[in-house]
C-alpha cells in the first residue's frame, strides 16, 4: 500500500497487524531499548524493524540493527536513506539508495478525525481554510488526519537533511486530490524557514503523495538527490 505512493527507486515492506515473532528477531542492542516497555510497544518496535530489514534485503544490504539516534531518527546503513512508520494494525519501512534520493519520509495514521483541539495546534490558518474547502468538496476523507500525517512525513524527510527541529507551523501543506477521486492525491509543503541545501540548491518545497485506504491515512514525501 505504501509502495503505491513512492517512486520506483524506493523499496518498501509493510505488514498488517503485529508480528508475534518479531521480538525474537531483534538484535541485542535493539531489544535493550525496549526491554522495560509494555508488550504492545515492544511488538510495534520489533515489527517495523523486521520490515526495515526485509527492505534492506531487497536492496542487497546485509541486515543490521536499526537504532534510534538524535530525536529518535532511525540510523540507516551507510549509503541508504529511509523512513519507518507504525500505528495500530500496521507497520511499514521504505528505503532507497542515497544516490537516488536525498531523503524520504513516510507516515500512517488510523483514518479518523483528530482528537478535539489537535487541529488548532498543528494547522496554520491558511491550512484550516483549505481543509474546510476540501471537506465541503470531498466529504469522505478525514482531511485533518491527512494533514497531521503529512506534517509527520515532512518532518521525517526534513530532519536527516538539517538535523534541526521543524515545528508544525513551519511548513504550509496543501493536499490536492487526484482528478476524479477523493482517496488519493499529491501534497506540497512550502517550507516557511530556510530549507535544506541539496545538490547546491536551497529547497523551498517538499512534495509527496497521500492516500486513504484500508482504514488508514498514509502519506509520503521524497526529496530527489539532484
Protein backbone atom coordinates (compact mmCIF):
# COMPACT_ATOMS: atom_id res chain seq x y z
CA UNK A 1 0.00 0.00 0.00
CA UNK A 2 2.71 2.49 0.95
CA UNK A 3 4.67 1.45 -2.12
CA UNK A 4 1.95 2.86 -4.38
CA UNK A 5 2.84 6.33 -3.06
CA UNK A 6 6.58 6.08 -3.68
CA UNK A 7 8.80 6.29 -6.78
CA UNK A 8 10.29 3.15 -8.27
CA UNK A 9 13.71 3.85 -6.74
CA UNK A 10 12.26 3.16 -3.28
CA UNK A 11 11.75 -0.33 -1.86
CA UNK A 12 9.12 -0.77 0.82
CA UNK A 13 7.85 -3.53 3.07
CA UNK A 14 4.65 -3.37 5.09
CA UNK A 15 2.65 -5.63 7.36
CA UNK A 16 -0.87 -5.51 8.73
CA UNK A 17 -1.07 -6.49 12.36
CA UNK A 18 1.78 -7.12 14.81
CA UNK A 19 4.30 -9.85 14.10
CA UNK A 20 4.25 -12.02 17.22
CA UNK A 21 7.65 -13.48 16.30
CA UNK A 22 9.29 -10.13 15.59
CA UNK A 23 10.73 -9.67 19.08
CA UNK A 24 12.84 -12.78 18.67
CA UNK A 25 14.43 -11.18 15.60
CA UNK A 26 15.62 -8.08 17.45
CA UNK A 27 19.35 -7.53 17.79
CA UNK A 28 20.53 -7.29 21.42
CA UNK A 29 21.12 -3.53 21.07
CA UNK A 30 17.54 -3.07 19.90
CA UNK A 31 16.00 -5.37 22.48
CA UNK A 32 17.74 -3.46 25.28
CA UNK A 33 15.99 -0.25 24.22
CA UNK A 34 12.50 -1.66 24.79
CA UNK A 35 13.21 -4.23 27.50
CA UNK A 36 11.11 -2.31 30.02
CA UNK A 37 8.36 -1.29 27.61
CA UNK A 38 4.86 -2.74 27.55
CA UNK A 39 4.17 -5.65 25.20
CA UNK A 40 2.39 -3.50 22.60
CA UNK A 41 5.33 -1.11 22.35
CA UNK A 42 7.87 -3.93 22.06
CA UNK A 43 5.90 -5.64 19.29
CA UNK A 44 5.47 -2.45 17.28
CA UNK A 45 9.15 -1.59 17.70
CA UNK A 46 10.16 -5.06 16.57
CA UNK A 47 7.65 -5.41 13.72
CA UNK A 48 8.70 -2.22 11.99
CA UNK A 49 12.35 -3.27 12.22
CA UNK A 50 11.56 -6.60 10.63
CA UNK A 51 10.04 -4.58 7.77
CA UNK A 52 13.20 -2.46 7.59
CA UNK A 53 15.50 -5.48 7.39
CA UNK A 54 13.37 -7.04 4.66
CA UNK A 55 13.70 -3.77 2.75
CA UNK A 56 17.48 -3.89 3.23
CA UNK A 57 17.49 -7.39 1.81
CA UNK A 58 15.62 -6.16 -1.28
CA UNK A 59 18.45 -3.66 -1.83
CA UNK A 60 21.11 -6.30 -1.30
CA UNK A 61 22.24 -4.78 2.01
CA UNK A 62 23.07 -7.18 4.86
CA UNK A 63 20.51 -6.99 7.69
CA UNK A 64 21.66 -4.94 10.65
CA UNK A 65 20.28 -3.12 13.71
CA UNK A 66 18.19 0.00 13.25
CA UNK A 67 18.89 2.10 16.31
CA UNK A 68 17.23 5.43 17.09
CA UNK A 69 19.58 8.39 17.05
CA UNK A 70 19.09 12.10 17.61
CA UNK A 71 15.41 12.93 18.18
CA UNK A 72 14.59 9.29 17.60
CA UNK A 73 15.52 9.32 13.89
CA UNK A 74 16.45 5.80 12.73
CA UNK A 75 20.08 5.16 11.90
CA UNK A 76 20.43 3.59 8.46
CA UNK A 77 23.40 1.76 6.95
CA UNK A 78 25.83 3.98 5.02
CA UNK A 79 24.56 4.81 1.55
CA UNK A 80 20.88 4.38 2.40
CA UNK A 81 18.08 6.79 3.25
CA UNK A 82 14.81 5.65 4.70
CA UNK A 83 11.81 6.05 6.93
CA UNK A 84 9.59 3.89 9.13
CA UNK A 85 6.07 4.20 10.47
CA UNK A 86 3.70 2.18 12.60
CA UNK A 87 0.25 2.60 14.07
CA UNK A 88 -2.45 0.24 15.34
CA UNK A 89 -2.50 -2.74 12.99
CA UNK A 90 0.09 -1.51 10.52
CA UNK A 91 3.85 -1.10 10.12
CA UNK A 92 6.00 -0.14 7.13
CA UNK A 93 9.55 0.74 6.19
CA UNK A 94 10.83 2.36 3.00
CA UNK A 95 14.46 2.56 1.86
CA UNK A 96 16.36 3.97 -1.10
CA UNK A 97 19.96 4.42 -2.10
CA UNK A 98 21.36 7.85 -1.30
CA UNK A 99 22.26 8.34 -4.94
CA UNK A 100 18.59 8.07 -5.88
CA UNK A 101 17.03 10.18 -3.13
CA UNK A 102 18.38 12.72 -0.68
CA UNK A 103 15.73 11.87 1.91
CA UNK A 104 12.26 10.47 2.37
CA UNK A 105 9.51 10.31 4.96
CA UNK A 106 6.52 8.03 5.35
CA UNK A 107 3.67 8.07 7.85
CA UNK A 108 0.50 6.07 8.51
CA UNK A 109 -2.33 7.02 10.84
CA UNK A 110 -5.72 5.49 11.67
CA UNK A 111 -8.21 7.14 9.31
CA UNK A 112 -10.36 9.00 11.78
CA UNK A 113 -10.90 12.55 12.93
CA UNK A 114 -8.18 14.08 15.09
CA UNK A 115 -9.00 14.46 18.77
CA UNK A 116 -10.67 17.73 19.66
CA UNK A 117 -8.24 20.65 19.82
CA UNK A 118 -5.38 18.95 17.98
CA UNK A 119 -6.05 20.56 14.59
CA UNK A 120 -5.77 24.03 16.09
CA UNK A 121 -2.35 23.16 17.50
CA UNK A 122 -0.89 21.79 14.25
CA UNK A 123 -2.55 23.72 11.42
CA UNK A 124 -1.84 27.18 10.09
CA UNK A 125 -4.85 29.45 9.40
CA UNK A 126 -4.40 29.01 5.65
CA UNK A 127 -4.32 25.22 6.08
CA UNK A 128 -7.55 25.25 8.08
CA UNK A 129 -9.25 27.26 5.34
CA UNK A 130 -8.13 24.77 2.70
CA UNK A 131 -9.26 21.83 4.85
CA UNK A 132 -12.72 23.36 5.17
CA UNK A 133 -12.93 23.69 1.38
CA UNK A 134 -11.75 20.11 0.89
CA UNK A 135 -14.29 18.81 3.40
CA UNK A 136 -17.10 20.61 1.56
CA UNK A 137 -16.00 19.31 -1.86
CA UNK A 138 -14.79 15.83 -0.78
CA UNK A 139 -16.53 14.83 2.48
CA UNK A 140 -15.14 11.28 2.59
CA UNK A 141 -11.55 11.66 3.84
CA UNK A 142 -10.68 12.96 7.29
CA UNK A 143 -8.60 15.83 5.97
CA UNK A 144 -7.42 16.86 9.42
CA UNK A 145 -5.84 13.43 9.93
CA UNK A 146 -4.25 13.54 6.48
CA UNK A 147 -2.75 16.93 7.26
CA UNK A 148 -1.32 15.62 10.52
CA UNK A 149 0.18 12.64 8.70
CA UNK A 150 1.64 14.90 6.02
CA UNK A 151 3.29 17.07 8.67
CA UNK A 152 4.87 13.92 10.12
CA UNK A 153 6.18 12.79 6.72
CA UNK A 154 7.57 16.25 6.00
CA UNK A 155 9.44 16.25 9.32
CA UNK A 156 10.84 12.76 8.73
CA UNK A 157 12.22 13.88 5.35
CA UNK A 158 13.45 17.22 6.78
CA UNK A 159 15.39 16.09 9.83
CA UNK A 160 18.06 13.90 8.20
CA UNK A 161 18.93 16.80 5.88
CA UNK A 162 19.09 19.53 8.52
CA UNK A 163 19.46 17.87 11.96
CA UNK A 164 17.07 20.59 13.16
CA UNK A 165 13.57 20.58 14.61
CA UNK A 166 10.73 21.63 12.30
CA UNK A 167 7.64 22.91 14.05
CA UNK A 168 4.13 22.20 12.75
CA UNK A 169 3.84 25.92 11.99
CA UNK A 170 6.98 25.97 9.83
CA UNK A 171 5.58 24.07 6.85
CA UNK A 172 2.43 25.10 4.96
CA UNK A 173 0.94 21.97 3.40
CA UNK A 174 -1.59 21.73 0.59
CA UNK A 175 -3.40 18.43 -0.06
CA UNK A 176 -4.60 18.01 -3.66
CA UNK A 177 -6.92 15.14 -4.68
CA UNK A 178 -6.20 13.37 -7.94
CA UNK A 179 -8.70 14.17 -10.69
CA UNK A 180 -11.94 12.27 -10.24
CA UNK A 181 -11.09 10.60 -6.92
CA UNK A 182 -11.02 11.63 -3.28
CA UNK A 183 -8.98 8.76 -1.83
CA UNK A 184 -5.54 9.67 -3.15
CA UNK A 185 -3.59 12.66 -4.35
CA UNK A 186 -0.49 14.78 -4.03
CA UNK A 187 0.83 17.03 -1.30
CA UNK A 188 3.01 20.10 -1.49
CA UNK A 189 4.74 21.58 1.54
CA UNK A 190 6.10 25.10 1.47
CA UNK A 191 8.94 25.42 3.98
CA UNK A 192 8.50 28.64 5.94
CA UNK A 193 12.03 28.54 7.33
CA UNK A 194 15.24 28.18 5.31
CA UNK A 195 15.16 24.76 3.72
CA UNK A 196 17.97 22.24 3.37
CA UNK A 197 20.58 22.61 0.64
CA UNK A 198 20.53 19.66 -1.76
CA UNK A 199 22.88 19.47 -4.76
CA UNK A 200 23.85 23.10 -4.19
CA UNK A 201 20.27 24.38 -4.18
CA UNK A 202 18.28 25.51 -1.15
CA UNK A 203 14.89 23.83 -1.20
CA UNK A 204 11.72 25.78 -0.61
CA UNK A 205 9.21 22.96 -1.19
CA UNK A 206 8.81 19.27 -0.40
CA UNK A 207 6.41 17.15 -2.42
CA UNK A 208 4.75 13.79 -1.93
CA UNK A 209 1.65 11.64 -2.13
CA UNK A 210 -1.25 10.66 0.12
CA UNK A 211 -3.99 8.04 0.19
CA UNK A 212 -6.91 6.81 2.26
CA UNK A 213 -7.20 3.04 2.10
CA UNK A 214 -7.95 0.06 4.34
CA UNK A 215 -8.82 2.30 7.27
CA UNK A 216 -5.50 4.18 7.13
CA UNK A 217 -4.40 7.65 6.14
CA UNK A 218 -0.93 7.35 4.62
CA UNK A 219 1.46 10.00 3.33
CA UNK A 220 4.92 10.04 1.77
CA UNK A 221 7.47 12.72 0.99
CA UNK A 222 10.51 12.19 -1.24
CA UNK A 223 13.40 14.60 -1.80
CA UNK A 224 15.35 13.96 -5.05
CA UNK A 225 19.11 13.83 -4.69
CA UNK A 226 19.60 16.10 -7.71
